[in-house]
Amino acid sequence: MNETITVVYERGVLRPLVPLPIPEHTRMEIQIVEPPSSVEEERHRVRQALLAAGVIRSQPSAKAVPAVSEDQLAAAARALAAGGPLSELIIAERDGR
């Protein structure tokens, strides 16, 4: 039996949180692994393991997109509105107008 289970340490004894399908007094070896302190830490650990195994590659960081001013937004809205509603443009194209 090789599986990972969660246990609680109480009064000097490791107690499984779920029943184990093994006979009483069976000798086993255990490995103590402290659970990650957060979901982000666990994600980082998994990502590092996948990178090390070559399953995934590191992606280059994205370049920052410059902010768009209110004037630029208004100009774009005017330019797009000049063509009319998109639905009408699609219907006109389908009708061959």
PDB file of N, CA and C in Angstrom:
ATOM      1  N   MET A   1       0.853  -1.182   0.000  1.00  0.00           N
ATOM      2  CA  MET A   1       0.000   0.000   0.000  1.00  0.00           C
ATOM      3  C   MET A   1       0.890   1.234   0.000  1.00  0.00           C
ATOM      4  N   ASN A   2       0.824   2.006  -1.063  1.00  0.00           N
ATOM      5  CA  ASN A   2       1.542   3.269  -1.150  1.00  0.00           C
ATOM      6  C   ASN A   2       0.526   4.354  -1.449  1.00  0.00           C
ATOM      7  N   GLU A   3       0.248   5.163  -0.485  1.00  0.00           N
ATOM      8  CA  GLU A   3      -0.676   6.276  -0.700  1.00  0.00           C
ATOM      9  C   GLU A   3      -0.383   7.362   0.314  1.00  0.00           C
ATOM     10  N   THR A   4      -0.903   8.541   0.036  1.00  0.00           N
ATOM     11  CA  THR A   4      -0.736   9.667   0.954  1.00  0.00           C
ATOM     12  C   THR A   4      -2.033   9.846   1.718  1.00  0.00           C
ATOM     13  N   ILE A   5      -1.924   9.955   3.029  1.00  0.00           N
ATOM     14  CA  ILE A   5      -3.097  10.175   3.875  1.00  0.00           C
ATOM     15  C   ILE A   5      -2.811  11.362   4.779  1.00  0.00           C
ATOM     16  N   THR A   6      -3.850  11.940   5.312  1.00  0.00           N
ATOM     17  CA  THR A   6      -3.704  13.042   6.253  1.00  0.00           C
ATOM     18  C   THR A   6      -3.841  12.502   7.658  1.00  0.00           C
ATOM     19  N   VAL A   7      -2.954  12.927   8.531  1.00  0.00           N
ATOM     20  CA  VAL A   7      -2.974  12.477   9.915  1.00  0.00           C
ATOM     21  C   VAL A   7      -2.931  13.677  10.843  1.00  0.00           C
ATOM     22  N   VAL A   8      -3.298  13.430  12.095  1.00  0.00           N
ATOM     23  CA  VAL A   8      -3.214  14.446  13.140  1.00  0.00           C
ATOM     24  C   VAL A   8      -2.287  13.902  14.217  1.00  0.00           C
ATOM     25  N   TYR A   9      -1.399  14.742  14.693  1.00  0.00           N
ATOM     26  CA  TYR A   9      -0.507  14.336  15.773  1.00  0.00           C
ATOM     27  C   TYR A   9      -1.159  14.729  17.091  1.00  0.00           C
ATOM     28  N   GLU A  10      -1.501  13.721  17.918  1.00  0.00           N
ATOM     29  CA  GLU A  10      -2.161  13.952  19.198  1.00  0.00           C
ATOM     30  C   GLU A  10      -1.500  13.100  20.274  1.00  0.00           C
ATOM     31  N   ARG A  11      -1.095  13.735  21.360  1.00  0.00           N
ATOM     32  CA  ARG A  11      -0.527  13.032  22.515  1.00  0.00           C
ATOM     33  C   ARG A  11       0.548  12.022  22.121  1.00  0.00           C
ATOM     34  N   GLY A  12       1.425  12.427  21.202  1.00  0.00           N
ATOM     35  CA  GLY A  12       2.536  11.570  20.822  1.00  0.00           C
ATOM     36  C   GLY A  12       2.211  10.497  19.808  1.00  0.00           C
ATOM     37  N   VAL A  13       1.009  10.517  19.238  1.00  0.00           N
ATOM     38  CA  VAL A  13       0.598   9.480  18.291  1.00  0.00           C
ATOM     39  C   VAL A  13       0.088  10.140  17.017  1.00  0.00           C
ATOM     40  N   LEU A  14       0.485   9.588  15.856  1.00  0.00           N
ATOM     41  CA  LEU A  14      -0.062  10.036  14.575  1.00  0.00           C
ATOM     42  C   LEU A  14      -1.353   9.261  14.324  1.00  0.00           C
ATOM     43  N   ARG A  15      -2.467   9.983  14.214  1.00  0.00           N
ATOM     44  CA  ARG A  15      -3.773   9.354  14.034  1.00  0.00           C
ATOM     45  C   ARG A  15      -4.318   9.709  12.649  1.00  0.00           C
ATOM     46  N   PRO A  16      -4.580   8.682  11.797  1.00  0.00           N
ATOM     47  CA  PRO A  16      -5.161   8.957  10.476  1.00  0.00           C
ATOM     48  C   PRO A  16      -6.554   9.561  10.613  1.00  0.00           C
ATOM     49  N   LEU A  17      -6.898  10.430   9.684  1.00  0.00           N
ATOM     50  CA  LEU A  17      -8.230  11.047   9.704  1.00  0.00           C
ATOM     51  C   LEU A  17      -9.275  10.153   9.038  1.00  0.00           C
ATOM     52  N   VAL A  18      -8.836   9.136   8.318  1.00  0.00           N
ATOM     53  CA  VAL A  18      -9.751   8.172   7.701  1.00  0.00           C
ATOM     54  C   VAL A  18      -9.269   6.765   8.053  1.00  0.00           C
ATOM     55  N   PRO A  19     -10.171   5.802   8.141  1.00  0.00           N
ATOM     56  CA  PRO A  19      -9.748   4.423   8.430  1.00  0.00           C
ATOM     57  C   PRO A  19      -8.835   3.880   7.325  1.00  0.00           C
ATOM     58  N   LEU A  20      -7.855   3.073   7.721  1.00  0.00           N
ATOM     59  CA  LEU A  20      -6.928   2.490   6.755  1.00  0.00           C
ATOM     60  C   LEU A  20      -7.284   1.027   6.511  1.00  0.00           C
ATOM     61  N   PRO A  21      -7.191   0.576   5.276  1.00  0.00           N
ATOM     62  CA  PRO A  21      -7.539  -0.821   4.958  1.00  0.00           C
ATOM     63  C   PRO A  21      -6.359  -1.772   5.213  1.00  0.00           C
ATOM     64  N   ILE A  22      -5.837  -1.756   6.429  1.00  0.00           N
ATOM     65  CA  ILE A  22      -4.718  -2.642   6.777  1.00  0.00           C
ATOM     66  C   ILE A  22      -5.026  -3.331   8.101  1.00  0.00           C
ATOM     67  N   PRO A  23      -4.492  -4.520   8.301  1.00  0.00           N
ATOM     68  CA  PRO A  23      -4.749  -5.244   9.553  1.00  0.00           C
ATOM     69  C   PRO A  23      -4.113  -4.525  10.744  1.00  0.00           C
ATOM     70  N   GLU A  24      -4.703  -4.718  11.920  1.00  0.00           N
ATOM     71  CA  GLU A  24      -4.161  -4.145  13.156  1.00  0.00           C
ATOM     72  C   GLU A  24      -2.728  -4.642  13.371  1.00  0.00           C
ATOM     73  N   HIS A  25      -1.904  -3.804  13.963  1.00  0.00           N
ATOM     74  CA  HIS A  25      -0.519  -4.089  14.343  1.00  0.00           C
ATOM     75  C   HIS A  25       0.405  -4.338  13.154  1.00  0.00           C
ATOM     76  N   THR A  26      -0.018  -3.965  11.943  1.00  0.00           N
ATOM     77  CA  THR A  26       0.856  -4.077  10.774  1.00  0.00           C
ATOM     78  C   THR A  26       1.939  -3.017  10.872  1.00  0.00           C
ATOM     79  N   ARG A  27       3.181  -3.419  10.687  1.00  0.00           N
ATOM     80  CA  ARG A  27       4.290  -2.457  10.703  1.00  0.00           C
ATOM     81  C   ARG A  27       4.394  -1.807   9.328  1.00  0.00           C
ATOM     82  N   MET A  28       4.560  -0.492   9.348  1.00  0.00           N
ATOM     83  CA  MET A  28       4.679   0.264   8.107  1.00  0.00           C
ATOM     84  C   MET A  28       5.744   1.323   8.313  1.00  0.00           C
ATOM     85  N   GLU A  29       6.259   1.846   7.228  1.00  0.00           N
ATOM     86  CA  GLU A  29       7.171   2.982   7.277  1.00  0.00           C
ATOM     87  C   GLU A  29       6.386   4.198   6.810  1.00  0.00           C
ATOM     88  N   ILE A  30       6.665   5.318   7.438  1.00  0.00           N
ATOM     89  CA  ILE A  30       5.987   6.550   7.038  1.00  0.00           C
ATOM     90  C   ILE A  30       7.016   7.612   6.722  1.00  0.00           C
ATOM     91  N   GLN A  31       6.612   8.542   5.902  1.00  0.00           N
ATOM     92  CA  GLN A  31       7.437   9.695   5.579  1.00  0.00           C
ATOM     93  C   GLN A  31       6.660  10.918   6.028  1.00  0.00           C
ATOM     94  N   ILE A  32       7.265  11.740   6.852  1.00  0.00           N
ATOM     95  CA  ILE A  32       6.596  12.932   7.372  1.00  0.00           C
ATOM     96  C   ILE A  32       6.819  14.082   6.386  1.00  0.00           C
ATOM     97  N   VAL A  33       5.715  14.619   5.873  1.00  0.00           N
ATOM     98  CA  VAL A  33       5.767  15.747   4.949  1.00  0.00           C
ATOM     99  C   VAL A  33       4.787  16.789   5.451  1.00  0.00           C
ATOM    100  N   GLU A  34       5.276  17.968   5.717  1.00  0.00           N
ATOM    101  CA  GLU A  34       4.403  19.040   6.192  1.00  0.00           C
ATOM    102  C   GLU A  34       3.581  19.567   5.018  1.00  0.00           C
ATOM    103  N   PRO A  35       2.268  19.712   5.196  1.00  0.00           N
ATOM    104  CA  PRO A  35       1.442  20.222   4.086  1.00  0.00           C
ATOM    105  C   PRO A  35       1.804  21.677   3.788  1.00  0.00           C
ATOM    106  N   PRO A  36       1.558  22.112   2.550  1.00  0.00           N
ATOM    107  CA  PRO A  36       1.858  23.500   2.199  1.00  0.00           C
ATOM    108  C   PRO A  36       1.016  24.452   3.043  1.00  0.00           C
ATOM    109  N   SER A  37       1.564  25.630   3.260  1.00  0.00           N
ATOM    110  CA  SER A  37       0.858  26.588   4.107  1.00  0.00           C
ATOM    111  C   SER A  37      -0.242  27.319   3.347  1.00  0.00           C
ATOM    112  N   SER A  38      -0.195  27.283   2.021  1.00  0.00           N
ATOM    113  CA  SER A  38      -1.234  27.969   1.255  1.00  0.00           C
ATOM    114  C   SER A  38      -1.408  27.300  -0.106  1.00  0.00           C
ATOM    115  N   VAL A  39      -2.495  27.616  -0.754  1.00  0.00           N
ATOM    116  CA  VAL A  39      -2.769  27.101  -2.090  1.00  0.00           C
ATOM    117  C   VAL A  39      -1.711  27.625  -3.059  1.00  0.00           C
ATOM    118  N   GLU A  40      -1.337  28.896  -2.913  1.00  0.00           N
ATOM    119  CA  GLU A  40      -0.328  29.485  -3.795  1.00  0.00           C
ATOM    120  C   GLU A  40       1.012  28.779  -3.639  1.00  0.00           C
ATOM    121  N   GLU A  41       1.370  28.435  -2.420  1.00  0.00           N
ATOM    122  CA  GLU A  41       2.620  27.715  -2.187  1.00  0.00           C
ATOM    123  C   GLU A  41       2.578  26.347  -2.862  1.00  0.00           C
ATOM    124  N   GLU A  42       1.444  25.672  -2.781  1.00  0.00           N
ATOM    125  CA  GLU A  42       1.294  24.367  -3.421  1.00  0.00           C
ATOM    126  C   GLU A  42       1.371  24.499  -4.935  1.00  0.00           C
ATOM    127  N   ARG A  43       0.734  25.517  -5.499  1.00  0.00           N
ATOM    128  CA  ARG A  43       0.798  25.747  -6.946  1.00  0.00           C
ATOM    129  C   ARG A  43       2.236  25.997  -7.388  1.00  0.00           C
ATOM    130  N   HIS A  44       2.956  26.783  -6.606  1.00  0.00           N
ATOM    131  CA  HIS A  44       4.354  27.075  -6.928  1.00  0.00           C
ATOM    132  C   HIS A  44       5.174  25.789  -6.897  1.00  0.00           C
ATOM    133  N   ARG A  45       4.967  24.953  -5.891  1.00  0.00           N
ATOM    134  CA  ARG A  45       5.704  23.698  -5.763  1.00  0.00           C
ATOM    135  C   ARG A  45       5.417  22.780  -6.961  1.00  0.00           C
ATOM    136  N   VAL A  46       4.147  22.668  -7.341  1.00  0.00           N
ATOM    137  CA  VAL A  46       3.773  21.824  -8.470  1.00  0.00           C
ATOM    138  C   VAL A  46       4.366  22.372  -9.761  1.00  0.00           C
ATOM    139  N   ARG A  47       4.284  23.686  -9.940  1.00  0.00           N
ATOM    140  CA  ARG A  47       4.846  24.319 -11.145  1.00  0.00           C
ATOM    141  C   ARG A  47       6.344  24.060 -11.250  1.00  0.00           C
ATOM    142  N   GLN A  48       7.058  24.184 -10.140  1.00  0.00           N
ATOM    143  CA  GLN A  48       8.502  23.934 -10.145  1.00  0.00           C
ATOM    144  C   GLN A  48       8.799  22.485 -10.515  1.00  0.00           C
ATOM    145  N   ALA A  49       7.997  21.556 -10.001  1.00  0.00           N
ATOM    146  CA  ALA A  49       8.206  20.141 -10.321  1.00  0.00           C
ATOM    147  C   ALA A  49       7.944  19.879 -11.800  1.00  0.00           C
ATOM    148  N   LEU A  50       6.898  20.483 -12.360  1.00  0.00           N
ATOM    149  CA  LEU A  50       6.591  20.311 -13.783  1.00  0.00           C
ATOM    150  C   LEU A  50       7.671  20.929 -14.667  1.00  0.00           C
ATOM    151  N   LEU A  51       8.183  22.086 -14.266  1.00  0.00           N
ATOM    152  CA  LEU A  51       9.275  22.712 -15.002  1.00  0.00           C
ATOM    153  C   LEU A  51      10.515  21.823 -14.975  1.00  0.00           C
ATOM    154  N   ALA A  52      10.859  21.301 -13.805  1.00  0.00           N
ATOM    155  CA  ALA A  52      12.039  20.452 -13.647  1.00  0.00           C
ATOM    156  C   ALA A  52      11.912  19.173 -14.468  1.00  0.00           C
ATOM    157  N   ALA A  53      10.700  18.642 -14.595  1.00  0.00           N
ATOM    158  CA  ALA A  53      10.478  17.408 -15.343  1.00  0.00           C
ATOM    159  C   ALA A  53      10.391  17.664 -16.850  1.00  0.00           C
ATOM    160  N   GLY A  54      10.343  18.936 -17.256  1.00  0.00           N
ATOM    161  CA  GLY A  54      10.245  19.271 -18.674  1.00  0.00           C
ATOM    162  C   GLY A  54       8.854  19.140 -19.236  1.00  0.00           C
ATOM    163  N   VAL A  55       7.867  19.005 -18.370  1.00  0.00           N
ATOM    164  CA  VAL A  55       6.478  18.874 -18.825  1.00  0.00           C
ATOM    165  C   VAL A  55       5.952  20.215 -19.325  1.00  0.00           C
ATOM    166  N   ILE A  56       6.362  21.284 -18.683  1.00  0.00           N
ATOM    167  CA  ILE A  56       5.970  22.629 -19.111  1.00  0.00           C
ATOM    168  C   ILE A  56       7.221  23.475 -19.260  1.00  0.00           C
ATOM    169  N   ARG A  57       7.077  24.579 -19.976  1.00  0.00           N
ATOM    170  CA  ARG A  57       8.183  25.527 -20.138  1.00  0.00           C
ATOM    171  C   ARG A  57       7.790  26.861 -19.534  1.00  0.00           C
ATOM    172  N   SER A  58       8.790  27.590 -19.106  1.00  0.00           N
ATOM    173  CA  SER A  58       8.546  28.915 -18.549  1.00  0.00           C
ATOM    174  C   SER A  58       8.158  29.851 -19.684  1.00  0.00           C
ATOM    175  N   GLN A  59       7.146  30.659 -19.462  1.00  0.00           N
ATOM    176  CA  GLN A  59       6.707  31.598 -20.483  1.00  0.00           C
ATOM    177  C   GLN A  59       7.366  32.943 -20.261  1.00  0.00           C
ATOM    178  N   PRO A  60       7.721  33.615 -21.356  1.00  0.00           N
ATOM    179  CA  PRO A  60       8.314  34.947 -21.190  1.00  0.00           C
ATOM    180  C   PRO A  60       7.281  35.896 -20.583  1.00  0.00           C
ATOM    181  N   SER A  61       7.773  36.825 -19.819  1.00  0.00           N
ATOM    182  CA  SER A  61       6.848  37.771 -19.186  1.00  0.00           C
ATOM    183  C   SER A  61       6.247  38.690 -20.244  1.00  0.00           C
ATOM    184  N   ALA A  62       4.996  39.019 -20.069  1.00  0.00           N
ATOM    185  CA  ALA A  62       4.276  39.869 -21.015  1.00  0.00           C
ATOM    186  C   ALA A  62       4.714  41.316 -20.864  1.00  0.00           C
ATOM    187  N   LYS A  63       4.748  42.004 -21.987  1.00  0.00           N
ATOM    188  CA  LYS A  63       5.087  43.426 -21.952  1.00  0.00           C
ATOM    189  C   LYS A  63       3.883  44.207 -21.442  1.00  0.00           C
ATOM    190  N   ALA A  64       4.165  45.256 -20.715  1.00  0.00           N
ATOM    191  CA  ALA A  64       3.094  46.092 -20.180  1.00  0.00           C
ATOM    192  C   ALA A  64       2.402  46.834 -21.325  1.00  0.00           C
ATOM    193  N   VAL A  65       1.103  46.876 -21.272  1.00  0.00           N
ATOM    194  CA  VAL A  65       0.314  47.595 -22.272  1.00  0.00           C
ATOM    195  C   VAL A  65       0.108  49.013 -21.768  1.00  0.00           C
ATOM    196  N   PRO A  66       0.438  50.003 -22.609  1.00  0.00           N
ATOM    197  CA  PRO A  66       0.265  51.393 -22.146  1.00  0.00           C
ATOM    198  C   PRO A  66      -1.214  51.717 -21.926  1.00  0.00           C
ATOM    199  N   ALA A  67      -1.459  52.582 -20.985  1.00  0.00           N
ATOM    200  CA  ALA A  67      -2.832  52.980 -20.672  1.00  0.00           C
ATOM    201  C   ALA A  67      -3.429  53.759 -21.839  1.00  0.00           C
ATOM    202  N   VAL A  68      -4.737  53.608 -22.016  1.00  0.00           N
ATOM    203  CA  VAL A  68      -5.457  54.320 -23.074  1.00  0.00           C
ATOM    204  C   VAL A  68      -6.180  55.499 -22.430  1.00  0.00           C
ATOM    205  N   SER A  69      -6.008  56.672 -23.023  1.00  0.00           N
ATOM    206  CA  SER A  69      -6.633  57.876 -22.454  1.00  0.00           C
ATOM    207  C   SER A  69      -8.122  57.912 -22.796  1.00  0.00           C
ATOM    208  N   GLU A  70      -8.840  58.752 -22.085  1.00  0.00           N
ATOM    209  CA  GLU A  70     -10.274  58.934 -22.353  1.00  0.00           C
ATOM    210  C   GLU A  70     -10.486  59.477 -23.763  1.00  0.00           C
ATOM    211  N   ASP A  71      -9.599  60.377 -24.218  1.00  0.00           N
ATOM    212  CA  ASP A  71      -9.709  60.934 -25.574  1.00  0.00           C
ATOM    213  C   ASP A  71      -9.528  59.842 -26.624  1.00  0.00           C
ATOM    214  N   GLN A  72      -8.575  58.935 -26.396  1.00  0.00           N
ATOM    215  CA  GLN A  72      -8.353  57.835 -27.336  1.00  0.00           C
ATOM    216  C   GLN A  72      -9.567  56.899 -27.371  1.00  0.00           C
ATOM    217  N   LEU A  73     -10.154  56.628 -26.202  1.00  0.00           N
ATOM    218  CA  LEU A  73     -11.340  55.788 -26.148  1.00  0.00           C
ATOM    219  C   LEU A  73     -12.500  56.431 -26.897  1.00  0.00           C
ATOM    220  N   ALA A  74     -12.683  57.732 -26.703  1.00  0.00           N
ATOM    221  CA  ALA A  74     -13.772  58.442 -27.375  1.00  0.00           C
ATOM    222  C   ALA A  74     -13.569  58.432 -28.887  1.00  0.00           C
ATOM    223  N   ALA A  75     -12.317  58.625 -29.338  1.00  0.00           N
ATOM    224  CA  ALA A  75     -12.030  58.621 -30.773  1.00  0.00           C
ATOM    225  C   ALA A  75     -12.297  57.238 -31.365  1.00  0.00           C
ATOM    226  N   ALA A  76     -11.932  56.205 -30.650  1.00  0.00           N
ATOM    227  CA  ALA A  76     -12.182  54.843 -31.135  1.00  0.00           C
ATOM    228  C   ALA A  76     -13.675  54.569 -31.199  1.00  0.00           C
ATOM    229  N   ALA A  77     -14.428  55.023 -30.209  1.00  0.00           N
ATOM    230  CA  ALA A  77     -15.879  54.831 -30.200  1.00  0.00           C
ATOM    231  C   ALA A  77     -16.524  55.547 -31.382  1.00  0.00           C
ATOM    232  N   ARG A  78     -16.064  56.754 -31.679  1.00  0.00           N
ATOM    233  CA  ARG A  78     -16.621  57.497 -32.824  1.00  0.00           C
ATOM    234  C   ARG A  78     -16.314  56.776 -34.135  1.00  0.00           C
ATOM    235  N   ALA A  79     -15.081  56.270 -34.262  1.00  0.00           N
ATOM    236  CA  ALA A  79     -14.683  55.584 -35.499  1.00  0.00           C
ATOM    237  C   ALA A  79     -15.495  54.305 -35.683  1.00  0.00           C
ATOM    238  N   LEU A  80     -15.709  53.580 -34.622  1.00  0.00           N
ATOM    239  CA  LEU A  80     -16.478  52.342 -34.717  1.00  0.00           C
ATOM    240  C   LEU A  80     -17.954  52.612 -34.963  1.00  0.00           C
ATOM    241  N   ALA A  81     -18.482  53.686 -34.390  1.00  0.00           N
ATOM    242  CA  ALA A  81     -19.895  54.015 -34.550  1.00  0.00           C
ATOM    243  C   ALA A  81     -20.204  54.482 -35.962  1.00  0.00           C
ATOM    244  N   ALA A  82     -19.212  54.993 -36.686  1.00  0.00           N
ATOM    245  CA  ALA A  82     -19.435  55.511 -38.036  1.00  0.00           C
ATOM    246  C   ALA A  82     -19.921  54.409 -38.975  1.00  0.00           C
ATOM    247  N   GLY A  83     -19.545  53.178 -38.713  1.00  0.00           N
ATOM    248  CA  GLY A  83     -19.965  52.073 -39.582  1.00  0.00           C
ATOM    249  C   GLY A  83     -21.366  51.589 -39.286  1.00  0.00           C
ATOM    250  N   GLY A  84     -21.950  52.005 -38.182  1.00  0.00           N
ATOM    251  CA  GLY A  84     -23.280  51.556 -37.811  1.00  0.00           C
ATOM    252  C   GLY A  84     -23.207  50.303 -36.961  1.00  0.00           C
ATOM    253  N   PRO A  85     -24.354  49.803 -36.553  1.00  0.00           N
ATOM    254  CA  PRO A  85     -24.371  48.611 -35.714  1.00  0.00           C
ATOM    255  C   PRO A  85     -23.768  47.407 -36.438  1.00  0.00           C
ATOM    256  N   LEU A  86     -23.032  46.612 -35.722  1.00  0.00           N
ATOM    257  CA  LEU A  86     -22.379  45.443 -36.296  1.00  0.00           C
ATOM    258  C   LEU A  86     -23.392  44.485 -36.913  1.00  0.00           C
ATOM    259  N   SER A  87     -24.530  44.315 -36.261  1.00  0.00           N
ATOM    260  CA  SER A  87     -25.548  43.396 -36.798  1.00  0.00           C
ATOM    261  C   SER A  87     -26.004  43.848 -38.181  1.00  0.00           C
ATOM    262  N   GLU A  88     -26.157  45.159 -38.377  1.00  0.00           N
ATOM    263  CA  GLU A  88     -26.586  45.664 -39.688  1.00  0.00           C
ATOM    264  C   GLU A  88     -25.505  45.452 -40.730  1.00  0.00           C
ATOM    265  N   LEU A  89     -24.234  45.623 -40.336  1.00  0.00           N
ATOM    266  CA  LEU A  89     -23.140  45.393 -41.272  1.00  0.00           C
ATOM    267  C   LEU A  89     -23.107  43.928 -41.720  1.00  0.00           C
ATOM    268  N   ILE A  90     -23.325  43.009 -40.783  1.00  0.00           N
ATOM    269  CA  ILE A  90     -23.316  41.583 -41.106  1.00  0.00           C
ATOM    270  C   ILE A  90     -24.469  41.241 -42.037  1.00  0.00           C
ATOM    271  N   ILE A  91     -25.664  41.764 -41.749  1.00  0.00           N
ATOM    272  CA  ILE A  91     -26.831  41.510 -42.601  1.00  0.00           C
ATOM    273  C   ILE A  91     -26.606  42.070 -43.983  1.00  0.00           C
ATOM    274  N   ALA A  92     -26.057  43.292 -44.086  1.00  0.00           N
ATOM    275  CA  ALA A  92     -25.784  43.913 -45.381  1.00  0.00           C
ATOM    276  C   ALA A  92     -24.772  43.087 -46.161  1.00  0.00           C
ATOM    277  N   GLU A  93     -23.753  42.569 -45.489  1.00  0.00           N
ATOM    278  CA  GLU A  93     -22.746  41.759 -46.178  1.00  0.00           C
ATOM    279  C   GLU A  93     -23.366  40.470 -46.702  1.00  0.00           C
ATOM    280  N   ARG A  94     -24.235  39.867 -45.924  1.00  0.00           N
ATOM    281  CA  ARG A  94     -24.894  38.631 -46.352  1.00  0.00           C
ATOM    282  C   ARG A  94     -25.826  38.874 -47.543  1.00  0.00           C
ATOM    283  N   ASP A  95     -26.460  40.054 -47.549  1.00  0.00           N
ATOM    284  CA  ASP A  95     -27.379  40.387 -48.652  1.00  0.00           C
ATOM    285  C   ASP A  95     -26.623  40.882 -49.876  1.00  0.00           C
ATOM    286  N   GLY A  96     -25.324  41.076 -49.770  1.00  0.00           N
ATOM    287  CA  GLY A  96     -24.523  41.542 -50.898  1.00  0.00           C
ATOM    288  C   GLY A  96     -24.631  43.028 -51.140  1.00  0.00           C
ATOM    289  N   ARG A  97     -25.000  43.760 -50.089  1.00  0.00           N
ATOM    290  CA  ARG A  97     -25.124  45.224 -50.251  1.00  0.00           C
ATOM    291  C   ARG A  97     -23.808  45.904 -50.071  1.00  0.00           C
TER     292      ARG A  97
END
